[in-house]
Amino acid sequence: FDSYTIPEDDLELGQSRLLEVDNRVVVPTKTHLRIIVTP
Protein backbone atom coordinates (compact mmCIF):
# COMPACT_ATOMS: atom_id res chain seq x y z
CA PHE A 1 0.00 0.00 0.00
CA ASP A 2 1.01 3.64 -0.48
CA SER A 3 1.26 6.22 2.28
CA TYR A 4 0.60 9.84 1.32
CA THR A 5 0.62 12.92 3.52
CA ILE A 6 -2.84 14.27 4.35
CA PRO A 7 -3.40 17.74 2.82
CA GLU A 8 -3.82 20.56 5.29
CA ASP A 9 -7.43 21.15 4.25
CA ASP A 10 -8.34 17.52 5.07
CA LEU A 11 -6.80 17.36 8.54
CA GLU A 12 -9.06 16.48 11.45
CA LEU A 13 -8.92 17.95 14.93
CA GLY A 14 -5.79 16.76 16.73
CA GLN A 15 -3.86 15.71 13.60
CA SER A 16 -0.47 17.28 13.00
CA ARG A 17 0.23 19.31 9.88
CA LEU A 18 2.76 17.70 7.50
CA LEU A 19 3.07 14.68 9.83
CA GLU A 20 -0.15 12.72 9.33
CA VAL A 21 -0.62 10.18 6.53
CA ASP A 22 -3.60 8.36 5.07
CA ASN A 23 -2.15 4.86 5.62
CA ARG A 24 0.06 4.21 8.64
CA VAL A 25 2.64 1.48 9.05
CA VAL A 26 1.12 -1.01 11.48
CA VAL A 27 3.50 -3.10 13.60
CA PRO A 28 3.14 -5.36 16.65
CA THR A 29 4.79 -4.51 19.96
CA LYS A 30 7.56 -6.53 21.60
CA THR A 31 8.36 -8.29 18.34
CA HIS A 32 11.62 -8.41 16.40
CA LEU A 33 11.05 -6.46 13.20
CA ARG A 34 13.26 -6.09 10.15
CA ILE A 35 12.77 -2.96 8.06
CA ILE A 36 14.25 -2.93 4.56
CA VAL A 37 14.41 0.38 2.73
CA THR A 38 15.18 1.33 -0.85
CA PRO A 39 14.23 4.25 -3.14
All heavy atoms as atom14 arrays in JSON, in Angstrom:
{
  "sequence": "FDSYTIPEDDLELGQSRLLEVDNRVVVPTKTHLRIIVTP",
  "atom14_mask": [
    [1, 1, 1, 1, 1, 1, 1, 1, 1, 1, 1, 0, 0, 0],
    [1, 1, 1, 1, 1, 1, 1, 1, 0, 0, 0, 0, 0, 0],
    [1, 1, 1, 1, 1, 1, 0, 0, 0, 0, 0, 0, 0, 0],
    [1, 1, 1, 1, 1, 1, 1, 1, 1, 1, 1, 1, 0, 0],
    [1, 1, 1, 1, 1, 1, 1, 0, 0, 0, 0, 0, 0, 0],
    [1, 1, 1, 1, 1, 1, 1, 1, 0, 0, 0, 0, 0, 0],
    [1, 1, 1, 1, 1, 1, 1, 0, 0, 0, 0, 0, 0, 0],
    [1, 1, 1, 1, 1, 1, 1, 1, 1, 0, 0, 0, 0, 0],
    [1, 1, 1, 1, 1, 1, 1, 1, 0, 0, 0, 0, 0, 0],
    [1, 1, 1, 1, 1, 1, 1, 1, 0, 0, 0, 0, 0, 0],
    [1, 1, 1, 1, 1, 1, 1, 1, 0, 0, 0, 0, 0, 0],
    [1, 1, 1, 1, 1, 1, 1, 1, 1, 0, 0, 0, 0, 0],
    [1, 1, 1, 1, 1, 1, 1, 1, 0, 0, 0, 0, 0, 0],
    [1, 1, 1, 1, 0, 0, 0, 0, 0, 0, 0, 0, 0, 0],
    [1, 1, 1, 1, 1, 1, 1, 1, 1, 0, 0, 0, 0, 0],
    [1, 1, 1, 1, 1, 1, 0, 0, 0, 0, 0, 0, 0, 0],
    [1, 1, 1, 1, 1, 1, 1, 1, 1, 1, 1, 0, 0, 0],
    [1, 1, 1, 1, 1, 1, 1, 1, 0, 0, 0, 0, 0, 0],
    [1, 1, 1, 1, 1, 1, 1, 1, 0, 0, 0, 0, 0, 0],
    [1, 1, 1, 1, 1, 1, 1, 1, 1, 0, 0, 0, 0, 0],
    [1, 1, 1, 1, 1, 1, 1, 0, 0, 0, 0, 0, 0, 0],
    [1, 1, 1, 1, 1, 1, 1, 1, 0, 0, 0, 0, 0, 0],
    [1, 1, 1, 1, 1, 1, 1, 1, 0, 0, 0, 0, 0, 0],
    [1, 1, 1, 1, 1, 1, 1, 1, 1, 1, 1, 0, 0, 0],
    [1, 1, 1, 1, 1, 1, 1, 0, 0, 0, 0, 0, 0, 0],
    [1, 1, 1, 1, 1, 1, 1, 0, 0, 0, 0, 0, 0, 0],
    [1, 1, 1, 1, 1, 1, 1, 0, 0, 0, 0, 0, 0, 0],
    [1, 1, 1, 1, 1, 1, 1, 0, 0, 0, 0, 0, 0, 0],
    [1, 1, 1, 1, 1, 1, 1, 0, 0, 0, 0, 0, 0, 0],
    [1, 1, 1, 1, 1, 1, 1, 1, 1, 0, 0, 0, 0, 0],
    [1, 1, 1, 1, 1, 1, 1, 0, 0, 0, 0, 0, 0, 0],
    [1, 1, 1, 1, 1, 1, 1, 1, 1, 1, 0, 0, 0, 0],
    [1, 1, 1, 1, 1, 1, 1, 1, 0, 0, 0, 0, 0, 0],
    [1, 1, 1, 1, 1, 1, 1, 1, 1, 1, 1, 0, 0, 0],
    [1, 1, 1, 1, 1, 1, 1, 1, 0, 0, 0, 0, 0, 0],
    [1, 1, 1, 1, 1, 1, 1, 1, 0, 0, 0, 0, 0, 0],
    [1, 1, 1, 1, 1, 1, 1, 0, 0, 0, 0, 0, 0, 0],
    [1, 1, 1, 1, 1, 1, 1, 0, 0, 0, 0, 0, 0, 0],
    [1, 1, 1, 1, 1, 1, 1, 0, 0, 0, 0, 0, 0, 0]
  ],
  "atom14_positions": [
    [[0.85, -1.19, 0.0], [0.0, 0.0, 0.0], [0.89, 1.24, 0.0], [2.06, 1.19, 0.38], [-0.93, 0.02, 1.22], [-0.21, 0.06, 2.54], [0.07, 1.26, 3.16], [0.18, -1.12, 3.16], [0.72, 1.3, 4.38], [0.84, -1.09, 4.37], [1.11, 0.12, 4.99], [0.0, 0.0, 0.0], [0.0, 0.0, 0.0], [0.0, 0.0, 0.0]],
    [[0.32, 2.34, -0.44], [1.01, 3.64, -0.48], [0.61, 4.47, 0.72], [-0.51, 4.36, 1.24], [0.7, 4.38, -1.77], [1.2, 3.64, -3.0], [2.23, 2.95, -2.89], [0.55, 3.75, -4.06], [0.0, 0.0, 0.0], [0.0, 0.0, 0.0], [0.0, 0.0, 0.0], [0.0, 0.0, 0.0], [0.0, 0.0, 0.0], [0.0, 0.0, 0.0]],
    [[1.5, 5.34, 1.13], [1.26, 6.22, 2.28], [1.55, 7.66, 1.87], [2.7, 8.03, 1.66], [2.15, 5.8, 3.46], [1.92, 6.63, 4.57], [0.0, 0.0, 0.0], [0.0, 0.0, 0.0], [0.0, 0.0, 0.0], [0.0, 0.0, 0.0], [0.0, 0.0, 0.0], [0.0, 0.0, 0.0], [0.0, 0.0, 0.0], [0.0, 0.0, 0.0]],
    [[0.48, 8.45, 1.74], [0.6, 9.84, 1.32], [0.31, 10.76, 2.51], [-0.47, 10.42, 3.4], [-0.4, 10.17, 0.2], [-0.08, 9.54, -1.13], [-0.55, 8.26, -1.44], [0.67, 10.22, -2.08], [-0.28, 7.67, -2.66], [0.95, 9.64, -3.31], [0.48, 8.37, -3.6], [0.76, 7.8, -4.8], [0.0, 0.0, 0.0], [0.0, 0.0, 0.0]],
    [[0.93, 11.93, 2.5], [0.62, 12.92, 3.52], [-0.79, 13.45, 3.32], [-1.27, 13.58, 2.19], [1.62, 14.08, 3.46], [1.3, 15.04, 4.47], [1.6, 14.77, 2.12], [0.0, 0.0, 0.0], [0.0, 0.0, 0.0], [0.0, 0.0, 0.0], [0.0, 0.0, 0.0], [0.0, 0.0, 0.0], [0.0, 0.0, 0.0], [0.0, 0.0, 0.0]],
    [[-1.48, 13.74, 4.42], [-2.84, 14.27, 4.35], [-2.76, 15.78, 4.11], [-2.08, 16.49, 4.85], [-3.61, 13.98, 5.65], [-3.75, 12.46, 5.85], [-4.97, 14.64, 5.63], [-4.49, 12.07, 7.1], [0.0, 0.0, 0.0], [0.0, 0.0, 0.0], [0.0, 0.0, 0.0], [0.0, 0.0, 0.0], [0.0, 0.0, 0.0], [0.0, 0.0, 0.0]],
    [[-3.42, 16.29, 3.08], [-3.4, 17.74, 2.82], [-3.92, 18.52, 4.03], [-4.72, 18.02, 4.82], [-4.31, 17.91, 1.6], [-4.33, 16.56, 0.95], [-4.2, 15.56, 2.06], [0.0, 0.0, 0.0], [0.0, 0.0, 0.0], [0.0, 0.0, 0.0], [0.0, 0.0, 0.0], [0.0, 0.0, 0.0], [0.0, 0.0, 0.0], [0.0, 0.0, 0.0]],
    [[-3.45, 19.74, 4.14], [-3.82, 20.56, 5.29], [-5.32, 20.79, 5.37], [-5.88, 20.86, 6.48], [-3.07, 21.9, 5.21], [-3.25, 22.79, 6.42], [-2.38, 24.03, 6.35], [-1.6, 24.15, 5.38], [-2.5, 24.88, 7.25], [0.0, 0.0, 0.0], [0.0, 0.0, 0.0], [0.0, 0.0, 0.0], [0.0, 0.0, 0.0], [0.0, 0.0, 0.0]],
    [[-5.99, 20.9, 4.25], [-7.43, 21.15, 4.25], [-8.23, 19.94, 4.73], [-9.39, 20.08, 5.12], [-7.9, 21.55, 2.85], [-7.27, 22.86, 2.39], [-6.86, 23.66, 3.27], [-7.18, 23.07, 1.17], [0.0, 0.0, 0.0], [0.0, 0.0, 0.0], [0.0, 0.0, 0.0], [0.0, 0.0, 0.0], [0.0, 0.0, 0.0], [0.0, 0.0, 0.0]],
    [[-7.62, 18.74, 4.7], [-8.34, 17.52, 5.07], [-8.01, 17.05, 6.48], [-8.49, 15.99, 6.9], [-8.02, 16.4, 4.08], [-8.48, 16.74, 2.66], [-9.41, 17.54, 2.53], [-7.89, 16.2, 1.7], [0.0, 0.0, 0.0], [0.0, 0.0, 0.0], [0.0, 0.0, 0.0], [0.0, 0.0, 0.0], [0.0, 0.0, 0.0], [0.0, 0.0, 0.0]],
    [[-7.19, 17.78, 7.2], [-6.8, 17.36, 8.54], [-7.98, 17.44, 9.5], [-8.8, 18.36, 9.43], [-5.66, 18.24, 9.06], [-4.29, 18.06, 8.41], [-3.31, 19.1, 8.96], [-3.75, 16.65, 8.63], [0.0, 0.0, 0.0], [0.0, 0.0, 0.0], [0.0, 0.0, 0.0], [0.0, 0.0, 0.0], [0.0, 0.0, 0.0], [0.0, 0.0, 0.0]],
    [[-8.06, 16.48, 10.41], [-9.06, 16.48, 11.45], [-8.48, 17.07, 12.73], [-7.26, 17.26, 12.85], [-9.56, 15.06, 11.71], [-10.23, 14.42, 10.49], [-10.7, 13.0, 10.78], [-10.46, 12.53, 11.92], [-11.28, 12.38, 9.87], [0.0, 0.0, 0.0], [0.0, 0.0, 0.0], [0.0, 0.0, 0.0], [0.0, 0.0, 0.0], [0.0, 0.0, 0.0]],
    [[-9.35, 17.35, 13.68], [-8.92, 17.95, 14.93], [-7.95, 17.02, 15.66], [-8.25, 15.84, 15.88], [-10.13, 18.25, 15.82], [-9.83, 18.99, 17.14], [-9.27, 20.38, 16.86], [-11.1, 19.07, 17.99], [0.0, 0.0, 0.0], [0.0, 0.0, 0.0], [0.0, 0.0, 0.0], [0.0, 0.0, 0.0], [0.0, 0.0, 0.0], [0.0, 0.0, 0.0]],
    [[-6.79, 17.55, 16.03], [-5.79, 16.76, 16.73], [-4.7, 16.2, 15.84], [-3.67, 15.74, 16.34], [0.0, 0.0, 0.0], [0.0, 0.0, 0.0], [0.0, 0.0, 0.0], [0.0, 0.0, 0.0], [0.0, 0.0, 0.0], [0.0, 0.0, 0.0], [0.0, 0.0, 0.0], [0.0, 0.0, 0.0], [0.0, 0.0, 0.0], [0.0, 0.0, 0.0]],
    [[-4.88, 16.21, 14.51], [-3.86, 15.71, 13.6], [-2.82, 16.79, 13.32], [-3.14, 17.97, 13.25], [-4.49, 15.25, 12.29], [-5.36, 14.01, 12.44], [-5.92, 13.54, 11.12], [-6.09, 14.31, 10.17], [-6.22, 12.25, 11.03], [0.0, 0.0, 0.0], [0.0, 0.0, 0.0], [0.0, 0.0, 0.0], [0.0, 0.0, 0.0], [0.0, 0.0, 0.0]],
    [[-1.59, 16.36, 13.17], [-0.47, 17.28, 13.0], [-0.26, 17.6, 11.52], [-0.28, 16.69, 10.68], [0.8, 16.68, 13.6], [0.64, 16.43, 14.98], [0.0, 0.0, 0.0], [0.0, 0.0, 0.0], [0.0, 0.0, 0.0], [0.0, 0.0, 0.0], [0.0, 0.0, 0.0], [0.0, 0.0, 0.0], [0.0, 0.0, 0.0], [0.0, 0.0, 0.0]],
    [[-0.02, 18.86, 11.25], [0.23, 19.31, 9.88], [1.57, 18.77, 9.39], [2.58, 18.8, 10.1], [0.23, 20.84, 9.82], [0.58, 21.43, 8.48], [0.51, 22.93, 8.51], [0.95, 23.54, 7.28], [2.21, 23.9, 7.05], [3.12, 23.74, 7.98], [2.55, 24.44, 5.89], [0.0, 0.0, 0.0], [0.0, 0.0, 0.0], [0.0, 0.0, 0.0]],
    [[1.58, 18.24, 8.16], [2.76, 17.7, 7.5], [3.33, 16.46, 8.2], [4.44, 16.03, 7.89], [3.88, 18.75, 7.38], [3.55, 20.01, 6.57], [4.78, 20.91, 6.48], [3.07, 19.64, 5.18], [0.0, 0.0, 0.0], [0.0, 0.0, 0.0], [0.0, 0.0, 0.0], [0.0, 0.0, 0.0], [0.0, 0.0, 0.0], [0.0, 0.0, 0.0]],
    [[2.6, 15.88, 9.15], [3.07, 14.68, 9.83], [2.1, 13.51, 9.69], [2.51, 12.36, 9.88], [3.31, 14.96, 11.33], [4.53, 15.79, 11.69], [4.59, 15.99, 13.2], [5.81, 15.13, 11.21], [0.0, 0.0, 0.0], [0.0, 0.0, 0.0], [0.0, 0.0, 0.0], [0.0, 0.0, 0.0], [0.0, 0.0, 0.0], [0.0, 0.0, 0.0]],
    [[0.86, 13.78, 9.38], [-0.15, 12.72, 9.33], [-0.25, 12.16, 7.91], [-0.1, 12.9, 6.93], [-1.5, 13.27, 9.78], [-2.51, 12.17, 10.07], [-2.03, 11.2, 11.14], [-1.9, 11.61, 12.3], [-1.77, 10.03, 10.78], [0.0, 0.0, 0.0], [0.0, 0.0, 0.0], [0.0, 0.0, 0.0], [0.0, 0.0, 0.0], [0.0, 0.0, 0.0]],
    [[-0.49, 10.85, 7.82], [-0.62, 10.18, 6.53], [-1.96, 9.45, 6.46], [-2.62, 9.23, 7.47], [0.53, 9.17, 6.31], [1.87, 9.89, 6.26], [0.54, 8.11, 7.4], [0.0, 0.0, 0.0], [0.0, 0.0, 0.0], [0.0, 0.0, 0.0], [0.0, 0.0, 0.0], [0.0, 0.0, 0.0], [0.0, 0.0, 0.0], [0.0, 0.0, 0.0]],
    [[-2.34, 9.06, 5.23], [-3.6, 8.36, 5.07], [-3.5, 6.89, 5.46], [-4.47, 6.3, 5.96], [-4.09, 8.49, 3.63], [-3.04, 8.06, 2.61], [-1.91, 7.7, 3.02], [-3.36, 8.08, 1.41], [0.0, 0.0, 0.0], [0.0, 0.0, 0.0], [0.0, 0.0, 0.0], [0.0, 0.0, 0.0], [0.0, 0.0, 0.0], [0.0, 0.0, 0.0]],
    [[-2.35, 6.27, 5.26], [-2.15, 4.86, 5.62], [-0.9, 4.74, 6.48], [0.22, 5.02, 6.02], [-2.0, 3.99, 4.37], [-3.27, 3.95, 3.55], [-4.36, 3.9, 4.09], [-3.11, 4.0, 2.23], [0.0, 0.0, 0.0], [0.0, 0.0, 0.0], [0.0, 0.0, 0.0], [0.0, 0.0, 0.0], [0.0, 0.0, 0.0], [0.0, 0.0, 0.0]],
    [[-1.07, 4.35, 7.72], [0.06, 4.21, 8.64], [0.7, 2.83, 8.53], [0.05, 1.87, 8.11], [-0.4, 4.44, 10.08], [-0.94, 5.84, 10.36], [-1.54, 5.92, 11.75], [-1.95, 7.28, 12.1], [-2.56, 7.6, 13.22], [-2.86, 6.66, 14.11], [-2.9, 8.86, 13.47], [0.0, 0.0, 0.0], [0.0, 0.0, 0.0], [0.0, 0.0, 0.0]],
    [[1.96, 2.76, 8.93], [2.64, 1.48, 9.05], [2.21, 0.84, 10.36], [2.43, 1.41, 11.43], [4.17, 1.65, 9.01], [4.85, 0.3, 9.04], [4.59, 2.42, 7.77], [0.0, 0.0, 0.0], [0.0, 0.0, 0.0], [0.0, 0.0, 0.0], [0.0, 0.0, 0.0], [0.0, 0.0, 0.0], [0.0, 0.0, 0.0], [0.0, 0.0, 0.0]],
    [[1.62, -0.32, 10.3], [1.12, -1.01, 11.48], [2.09, -2.11, 11.86], [2.44, -2.96, 11.03], [-0.29, -1.59, 11.21], [-0.8, -2.31, 12.45], [-1.24, -0.48, 10.8], [0.0, 0.0, 0.0], [0.0, 0.0, 0.0], [0.0, 0.0, 0.0], [0.0, 0.0, 0.0], [0.0, 0.0, 0.0], [0.0, 0.0, 0.0], [0.0, 0.0, 0.0]],
    [[2.53, -2.11, 13.12], [3.5, -3.1, 13.6], [3.05, -3.62, 14.96], [2.34, -2.93, 15.7], [4.92, -2.5, 13.71], [5.42, -2.03, 12.36], [4.96, -1.37, 14.73], [0.0, 0.0, 0.0], [0.0, 0.0, 0.0], [0.0, 0.0, 0.0], [0.0, 0.0, 0.0], [0.0, 0.0, 0.0], [0.0, 0.0, 0.0], [0.0, 0.0, 0.0]],
    [[3.45, -4.84, 15.32], [3.14, -5.36, 16.65], [4.21, -4.94, 17.65], [5.36, -4.67, 17.29], [3.16, -6.88, 16.45], [4.13, -7.08, 15.32], [4.01, -5.86, 14.44], [0.0, 0.0, 0.0], [0.0, 0.0, 0.0], [0.0, 0.0, 0.0], [0.0, 0.0, 0.0], [0.0, 0.0, 0.0], [0.0, 0.0, 0.0], [0.0, 0.0, 0.0]],
    [[3.84, -4.87, 18.91], [4.79, -4.51, 19.96], [5.54, -5.74, 20.45], [5.07, -6.88, 20.3], [4.06, -3.87, 21.16], [3.09, -4.8, 21.67], [3.36, -2.6, 20.73], [0.0, 0.0, 0.0], [0.0, 0.0, 0.0], [0.0, 0.0, 0.0], [0.0, 0.0, 0.0], [0.0, 0.0, 0.0], [0.0, 0.0, 0.0], [0.0, 0.0, 0.0]],
    [[6.72, -5.49, 21.0], [7.56, -6.53, 21.6], [7.79, -7.69, 20.64], [7.68, -8.86, 20.99], [6.95, -7.02, 22.92], [6.83, -5.92, 23.97], [6.25, -6.42, 25.26], [6.17, -5.28, 26.28], [5.6, -5.71, 27.57], [0.0, 0.0, 0.0], [0.0, 0.0, 0.0], [0.0, 0.0, 0.0], [0.0, 0.0, 0.0], [0.0, 0.0, 0.0]],
    [[8.1, -7.32, 19.41], [8.36, -8.29, 18.34], [9.57, -7.82, 17.55], [9.72, -6.63, 17.26], [7.15, -8.41, 17.4], [5.99, -8.75, 18.16], [7.39, -9.48, 16.34], [0.0, 0.0, 0.0], [0.0, 0.0, 0.0], [0.0, 0.0, 0.0], [0.0, 0.0, 0.0], [0.0, 0.0, 0.0], [0.0, 0.0, 0.0], [0.0, 0.0, 0.0]],
    [[10.44, -8.75, 17.2], [11.62, -8.41, 16.4], [11.2, -8.13, 14.96], [10.67, -9.0, 14.28], [12.65, -9.54, 16.44], [13.34, -9.67, 17.76], [14.19, -8.69, 18.25], [13.3, -10.64, 18.7], [14.66, -9.06, 19.42], [14.14, -10.23, 19.73], [0.0, 0.0, 0.0], [0.0, 0.0, 0.0], [0.0, 0.0, 0.0], [0.0, 0.0, 0.0]],
    [[11.44, -6.89, 14.53], [11.05, -6.46, 13.2], [12.29, -6.15, 12.37], [13.27, -5.61, 12.88], [10.17, -5.21, 13.27], [8.96, -5.27, 14.19], [8.27, -3.91, 14.24], [7.98, -6.34, 13.74], [0.0, 0.0, 0.0], [0.0, 0.0, 0.0], [0.0, 0.0, 0.0], [0.0, 0.0, 0.0], [0.0, 0.0, 0.0], [0.0, 0.0, 0.0]],
    [[12.22, -6.47, 11.1], [13.26, -6.09, 10.15], [12.65, -5.14, 9.13], [11.68, -5.48, 8.47], [13.86, -7.31, 9.46], [14.9, -6.93, 8.38], [15.56, -8.16, 7.81], [14.58, -9.06, 7.2], [14.89, -10.27, 6.73], [16.12, -10.71, 6.82], [13.94, -11.03, 6.19], [0.0, 0.0, 0.0], [0.0, 0.0, 0.0], [0.0, 0.0, 0.0]],
    [[13.25, -3.96, 9.02], [12.77, -2.96, 8.06], [13.81, -2.82, 6.96], [14.98, -2.51, 7.24], [12.52, -1.61, 8.75], [11.46, -1.76, 9.84], [12.07, -0.57, 7.72], [11.18, -0.49, 10.6], [0.0, 0.0, 0.0], [0.0, 0.0, 0.0], [0.0, 0.0, 0.0], [0.0, 0.0, 0.0], [0.0, 0.0, 0.0], [0.0, 0.0, 0.0]],
    [[13.39, -3.06, 5.73], [14.25, -2.93, 4.56], [13.81, -1.7, 3.78], [12.61, -1.54, 3.51], [14.19, -4.19, 3.68], [14.61, -5.42, 4.48], [15.05, -4.04, 2.44], [14.47, -6.72, 3.71], [0.0, 0.0, 0.0], [0.0, 0.0, 0.0], [0.0, 0.0, 0.0], [0.0, 0.0, 0.0], [0.0, 0.0, 0.0], [0.0, 0.0, 0.0]],
    [[14.75, -0.86, 3.44], [14.41, 0.38, 2.73], [15.18, 0.47, 1.44], [16.33, 0.01, 1.33], [14.7, 1.63, 3.61], [13.81, 1.65, 4.83], [16.15, 1.67, 4.02], [0.0, 0.0, 0.0], [0.0, 0.0, 0.0], [0.0, 0.0, 0.0], [0.0, 0.0, 0.0], [0.0, 0.0, 0.0], [0.0, 0.0, 0.0], [0.0, 0.0, 0.0]],
    [[14.55, 1.07, 0.44], [15.18, 1.33, -0.85], [14.37, 2.41, -1.56], [13.17, 2.53, -1.32], [15.23, 0.05, -1.71], [16.02, 0.29, -2.89], [13.85, -0.39, -2.12], [0.0, 0.0, 0.0], [0.0, 0.0, 0.0], [0.0, 0.0, 0.0], [0.0, 0.0, 0.0], [0.0, 0.0, 0.0], [0.0, 0.0, 0.0], [0.0, 0.0, 0.0]],
    [[14.99, 3.22, -2.41], [14.23, 4.25, -3.14], [13.83, 3.78, -4.53], [14.43, 2.86, -5.09], [15.23, 5.4, -3.2], [16.56, 4.72, -3.33], [16.44, 3.42, -2.56], [0.0, 0.0, 0.0], [0.0, 0.0, 0.0], [0.0, 0.0, 0.0], [0.0, 0.0, 0.0], [0.0, 0.0, 0.0], [0.0, 0.0, 0.0], [0.0, 0.0, 0.0]]
  ]
}
